Amino acid sequence: MYAVIRTGGKQYKVHEEQILKIEKLDGTEGSQVEFDDVLMYSDGETITLGSPKVENASVKAHILDQGKGTKTLVFKYRRRKGFRRMKGHRQQYTEIKIESITV
């Protein structure tokens, strides 16, 4: 059994007991979250596609961790001009564990 959900502008294929990192969500560690934006659902035999969402479908998960990813460096350089800029960025994420998929 798996589902495809949309959160943070991205789509994720999820199944029960899966742990994944997604874009930052509001909430504290241990709190419950529910995703109603289910685009596709499969129970192993049949596949249900939504247009755009599957009606009465939801995915429940709980938050394991709120954190920041690894640092990404952005370096700008113009040759022969003496122009150099370096910036760093750390993207915030939420680590969740999928509890159940219901239709």
N, C-alpha and C. Protein backbone atom coordinates (compact mmCIF):
# COMPACT_ATOMS: atom_id res chain seq x y z
N MET A 1 0.84 -1.16 0.00
CA MET A 1 0.00 0.00 0.00
C MET A 1 0.89 1.24 0.00
N TYR A 2 0.65 2.17 -0.92
CA TYR A 2 1.41 3.41 -0.99
C TYR A 2 0.51 4.52 -1.50
N ALA A 3 0.99 5.75 -1.35
CA ALA A 3 0.26 6.92 -1.81
C ALA A 3 1.26 7.95 -2.30
N VAL A 4 0.78 8.87 -3.11
CA VAL A 4 1.58 9.99 -3.56
C VAL A 4 0.94 11.24 -2.97
N ILE A 5 1.72 11.98 -2.17
CA ILE A 5 1.20 13.19 -1.53
C ILE A 5 1.96 14.40 -2.05
N ARG A 6 1.35 15.58 -1.88
CA ARG A 6 1.99 16.82 -2.28
C ARG A 6 2.13 17.70 -1.04
N THR A 7 3.36 18.13 -0.77
CA THR A 7 3.63 19.06 0.33
C THR A 7 4.88 19.86 0.01
N GLY A 8 4.86 21.13 0.34
CA GLY A 8 6.02 21.98 0.11
C GLY A 8 6.36 22.16 -1.35
N GLY A 9 5.38 22.02 -2.24
CA GLY A 9 5.64 22.20 -3.66
C GLY A 9 6.26 20.99 -4.33
N LYS A 10 6.36 19.88 -3.59
CA LYS A 10 6.96 18.66 -4.15
C LYS A 10 5.99 17.50 -3.95
N GLN A 11 6.22 16.43 -4.70
CA GLN A 11 5.42 15.22 -4.57
C GLN A 11 6.29 14.10 -4.03
N TYR A 12 5.72 13.31 -3.11
CA TYR A 12 6.45 12.22 -2.48
C TYR A 12 5.62 10.94 -2.56
N LYS A 13 6.28 9.84 -2.92
CA LYS A 13 5.66 8.53 -2.87
C LYS A 13 5.96 7.96 -1.48
N VAL A 14 4.91 7.69 -0.70
CA VAL A 14 5.09 7.27 0.69
C VAL A 14 4.39 5.95 0.94
N HIS A 15 4.90 5.19 1.89
CA HIS A 15 4.25 3.99 2.38
C HIS A 15 4.34 4.00 3.89
N GLU A 16 3.60 3.12 4.54
CA GLU A 16 3.55 3.11 6.00
C GLU A 16 4.91 2.76 6.59
N GLU A 17 5.21 3.36 7.73
CA GLU A 17 6.46 3.17 8.48
C GLU A 17 7.66 3.79 7.77
N GLN A 18 7.45 4.62 6.75
CA GLN A 18 8.55 5.26 6.04
C GLN A 18 8.96 6.53 6.78
N ILE A 19 10.26 6.81 6.80
CA ILE A 19 10.80 8.02 7.39
C ILE A 19 11.37 8.87 6.26
N LEU A 20 10.96 10.15 6.18
CA LEU A 20 11.47 11.00 5.13
C LEU A 20 11.59 12.44 5.60
N LYS A 21 12.43 13.20 4.90
CA LYS A 21 12.64 14.61 5.18
C LYS A 21 11.90 15.42 4.14
N ILE A 22 11.08 16.37 4.62
CA ILE A 22 10.30 17.22 3.72
C ILE A 22 10.56 18.68 4.08
N GLU A 23 9.99 19.60 3.32
CA GLU A 23 10.10 21.02 3.62
C GLU A 23 9.52 21.29 5.01
N LYS A 24 10.02 22.33 5.66
CA LYS A 24 9.66 22.62 7.04
C LYS A 24 8.16 22.80 7.22
N LEU A 25 7.61 22.13 8.24
CA LEU A 25 6.22 22.26 8.64
C LEU A 25 6.16 22.86 10.03
N ASP A 26 5.05 23.51 10.34
CA ASP A 26 4.85 24.00 11.70
C ASP A 26 4.51 22.82 12.60
N GLY A 27 5.03 22.84 13.81
CA GLY A 27 4.75 21.77 14.76
C GLY A 27 6.00 21.43 15.53
N THR A 28 5.79 20.74 16.65
CA THR A 28 6.91 20.35 17.49
C THR A 28 7.17 18.86 17.33
N GLU A 29 8.30 18.42 17.86
CA GLU A 29 8.65 17.01 17.77
C GLU A 29 7.62 16.19 18.54
N GLY A 30 7.16 15.12 17.91
CA GLY A 30 6.17 14.25 18.53
C GLY A 30 4.73 14.59 18.17
N SER A 31 4.50 15.75 17.55
CA SER A 31 3.13 16.12 17.20
C SER A 31 2.69 15.41 15.92
N GLN A 32 1.39 15.32 15.75
CA GLN A 32 0.77 14.61 14.64
C GLN A 32 0.49 15.58 13.50
N VAL A 33 0.72 15.15 12.26
CA VAL A 33 0.37 15.94 11.08
C VAL A 33 -0.45 15.06 10.14
N GLU A 34 -1.31 15.71 9.37
CA GLU A 34 -2.16 14.98 8.43
C GLU A 34 -2.08 15.65 7.07
N PHE A 35 -1.87 14.85 6.03
CA PHE A 35 -1.78 15.34 4.67
C PHE A 35 -3.06 14.94 3.94
N ASP A 36 -3.84 15.95 3.52
CA ASP A 36 -5.09 15.69 2.79
C ASP A 36 -4.90 15.77 1.29
N ASP A 37 -3.74 16.24 0.86
CA ASP A 37 -3.47 16.44 -0.56
C ASP A 37 -2.89 15.15 -1.15
N VAL A 38 -3.72 14.10 -1.23
CA VAL A 38 -3.30 12.80 -1.76
C VAL A 38 -3.64 12.77 -3.25
N LEU A 39 -2.61 12.61 -4.08
CA LEU A 39 -2.79 12.65 -5.54
C LEU A 39 -3.07 11.27 -6.13
N MET A 40 -2.54 10.22 -5.48
CA MET A 40 -2.72 8.86 -5.97
C MET A 40 -2.68 7.90 -4.79
N TYR A 41 -3.41 6.81 -4.89
CA TYR A 41 -3.46 5.81 -3.83
C TYR A 41 -3.48 4.43 -4.46
N SER A 42 -2.71 3.49 -3.89
CA SER A 42 -2.71 2.12 -4.37
C SER A 42 -2.76 1.18 -3.18
N ASP A 43 -3.63 0.18 -3.25
CA ASP A 43 -3.72 -0.80 -2.16
C ASP A 43 -3.01 -2.10 -2.53
N GLY A 44 -2.26 -2.11 -3.61
CA GLY A 44 -1.54 -3.30 -4.03
C GLY A 44 -2.16 -3.95 -5.25
N GLU A 45 -3.47 -3.80 -5.43
CA GLU A 45 -4.15 -4.38 -6.58
C GLU A 45 -4.72 -3.32 -7.51
N THR A 46 -5.36 -2.31 -6.92
CA THR A 46 -5.97 -1.25 -7.72
C THR A 46 -5.28 0.07 -7.44
N ILE A 47 -5.26 0.91 -8.45
CA ILE A 47 -4.68 2.24 -8.33
C ILE A 47 -5.79 3.25 -8.52
N THR A 48 -5.88 4.20 -7.58
CA THR A 48 -6.88 5.25 -7.64
C THR A 48 -6.17 6.58 -7.89
N LEU A 49 -6.50 7.20 -9.00
CA LEU A 49 -5.93 8.50 -9.34
C LEU A 49 -6.93 9.59 -9.00
N GLY A 50 -6.45 10.69 -8.48
CA GLY A 50 -7.31 11.82 -8.18
C GLY A 50 -7.31 12.82 -9.32
N SER A 51 -8.34 13.65 -9.33
CA SER A 51 -8.35 14.71 -10.33
C SER A 51 -8.84 16.00 -9.67
N PRO A 52 -8.05 16.76 -9.00
CA PRO A 52 -6.62 16.58 -8.77
C PRO A 52 -6.31 15.75 -7.52
N LYS A 53 -7.26 15.62 -6.58
CA LYS A 53 -6.97 14.88 -5.35
C LYS A 53 -7.93 13.70 -5.23
N VAL A 54 -7.51 12.67 -4.48
CA VAL A 54 -8.37 11.54 -4.17
C VAL A 54 -9.29 11.96 -3.03
N GLU A 55 -10.60 11.79 -3.24
CA GLU A 55 -11.57 12.20 -2.23
C GLU A 55 -11.49 11.31 -0.99
N ASN A 56 -11.63 11.92 0.18
CA ASN A 56 -11.65 11.24 1.48
C ASN A 56 -10.39 10.43 1.77
N ALA A 57 -9.28 10.83 1.20
CA ALA A 57 -8.01 10.14 1.46
C ALA A 57 -7.12 11.04 2.30
N SER A 58 -6.40 10.43 3.22
CA SER A 58 -5.47 11.20 4.04
C SER A 58 -4.30 10.31 4.47
N VAL A 59 -3.19 10.96 4.76
CA VAL A 59 -2.00 10.29 5.24
C VAL A 59 -1.64 10.92 6.58
N LYS A 60 -1.52 10.08 7.61
CA LYS A 60 -1.19 10.57 8.94
C LYS A 60 0.25 10.23 9.26
N ALA A 61 0.94 11.20 9.87
CA ALA A 61 2.34 11.03 10.22
C ALA A 61 2.61 11.77 11.52
N HIS A 62 3.75 11.50 12.13
CA HIS A 62 4.15 12.31 13.26
C HIS A 62 5.57 12.81 13.05
N ILE A 63 5.87 13.95 13.66
CA ILE A 63 7.14 14.64 13.45
C ILE A 63 8.20 14.03 14.34
N LEU A 64 9.31 13.62 13.73
CA LEU A 64 10.43 13.08 14.48
C LEU A 64 11.45 14.16 14.83
N ASP A 65 11.69 15.11 13.90
CA ASP A 65 12.76 16.07 14.11
C ASP A 65 12.52 17.32 13.27
N GLN A 66 12.92 18.47 13.79
CA GLN A 66 12.97 19.72 13.04
C GLN A 66 14.45 20.08 12.96
N GLY A 67 14.97 20.35 11.79
CA GLY A 67 16.39 20.63 11.71
C GLY A 67 16.77 21.42 10.48
N LYS A 68 18.09 21.55 10.30
CA LYS A 68 18.64 22.22 9.14
C LYS A 68 19.53 21.25 8.38
N GLY A 69 19.51 21.34 7.07
CA GLY A 69 20.33 20.48 6.23
C GLY A 69 21.77 20.95 6.19
N THR A 70 22.54 20.32 5.34
CA THR A 70 23.95 20.69 5.21
C THR A 70 24.08 22.03 4.51
N LYS A 71 25.20 22.71 4.75
CA LYS A 71 25.41 24.03 4.18
C LYS A 71 25.73 23.94 2.70
N THR A 72 25.05 24.78 1.93
CA THR A 72 25.32 24.92 0.50
C THR A 72 25.98 26.27 0.29
N LEU A 73 27.12 26.29 -0.38
CA LEU A 73 27.83 27.53 -0.63
C LEU A 73 27.46 28.07 -2.00
N VAL A 74 27.24 29.38 -2.06
CA VAL A 74 26.94 30.08 -3.30
C VAL A 74 28.07 31.07 -3.52
N PHE A 75 28.84 30.89 -4.58
CA PHE A 75 30.00 31.73 -4.86
C PHE A 75 29.80 32.44 -6.19
N LYS A 76 29.83 33.78 -6.16
CA LYS A 76 29.72 34.58 -7.38
C LYS A 76 31.08 35.20 -7.66
N TYR A 77 31.46 35.23 -8.92
CA TYR A 77 32.79 35.69 -9.30
C TYR A 77 32.73 36.30 -10.69
N ARG A 78 33.33 37.48 -10.85
CA ARG A 78 33.46 38.09 -12.17
C ARG A 78 34.95 38.21 -12.46
N ARG A 79 35.40 37.61 -13.51
CA ARG A 79 36.83 37.63 -13.80
C ARG A 79 37.31 39.03 -14.14
N ARG A 80 38.50 39.33 -13.72
CA ARG A 80 39.21 40.60 -13.98
C ARG A 80 38.52 41.82 -13.37
N LYS A 81 37.53 41.67 -12.52
CA LYS A 81 36.83 42.82 -11.96
C LYS A 81 37.02 42.95 -10.45
N GLY A 82 37.65 41.97 -9.82
CA GLY A 82 37.82 42.02 -8.38
C GLY A 82 36.53 41.78 -7.62
N PHE A 83 35.55 41.16 -8.27
CA PHE A 83 34.24 40.91 -7.65
C PHE A 83 34.15 39.48 -7.17
N ARG A 84 33.96 39.30 -5.89
CA ARG A 84 33.78 37.97 -5.30
C ARG A 84 32.75 38.08 -4.19
N ARG A 85 31.79 37.16 -4.16
CA ARG A 85 30.80 37.10 -3.10
C ARG A 85 30.59 35.64 -2.74
N MET A 86 30.58 35.37 -1.46
CA MET A 86 30.30 34.01 -1.01
C MET A 86 29.20 34.06 0.02
N LYS A 87 28.18 33.24 -0.19
CA LYS A 87 27.07 33.14 0.76
C LYS A 87 26.84 31.68 1.06
N GLY A 88 26.32 31.42 2.23
CA GLY A 88 25.96 30.06 2.61
C GLY A 88 24.47 29.96 2.87
N HIS A 89 23.93 28.78 2.72
CA HIS A 89 22.50 28.56 2.94
C HIS A 89 22.30 27.18 3.55
N ARG A 90 21.46 27.11 4.58
CA ARG A 90 21.08 25.83 5.17
C ARG A 90 19.56 25.74 5.15
N GLN A 91 19.03 24.80 4.38
CA GLN A 91 17.59 24.64 4.23
C GLN A 91 17.01 23.95 5.45
N GLN A 92 15.91 24.49 5.97
CA GLN A 92 15.24 23.86 7.10
C GLN A 92 14.37 22.70 6.60
N TYR A 93 14.28 21.65 7.41
CA TYR A 93 13.49 20.48 7.04
C TYR A 93 12.74 19.95 8.25
N THR A 94 11.77 19.10 7.97
CA THR A 94 11.04 18.38 8.99
C THR A 94 11.15 16.89 8.66
N GLU A 95 11.58 16.10 9.62
CA GLU A 95 11.67 14.66 9.43
C GLU A 95 10.41 14.03 10.01
N ILE A 96 9.70 13.26 9.18
CA ILE A 96 8.43 12.67 9.61
C ILE A 96 8.47 11.16 9.43
N LYS A 97 7.56 10.48 10.15
CA LYS A 97 7.36 9.05 9.98
C LYS A 97 5.90 8.81 9.66
N ILE A 98 5.65 8.14 8.54
CA ILE A 98 4.30 7.87 8.09
C ILE A 98 3.67 6.79 8.97
N GLU A 99 2.52 7.12 9.56
CA GLU A 99 1.82 6.17 10.44
C GLU A 99 0.78 5.35 9.67
N SER A 100 -0.11 6.05 8.94
CA SER A 100 -1.19 5.31 8.28
C SER A 100 -1.63 6.05 7.02
N ILE A 101 -2.16 5.26 6.10
CA ILE A 101 -2.76 5.79 4.86
C ILE A 101 -4.19 5.31 4.84
N THR A 102 -5.14 6.25 4.85
CA THR A 102 -6.56 5.88 4.90
C THR A 102 -7.31 6.47 3.71
N VAL A 103 -8.30 5.71 3.24
CA VAL A 103 -9.17 6.17 2.17
C VAL A 103 -10.60 6.01 2.62
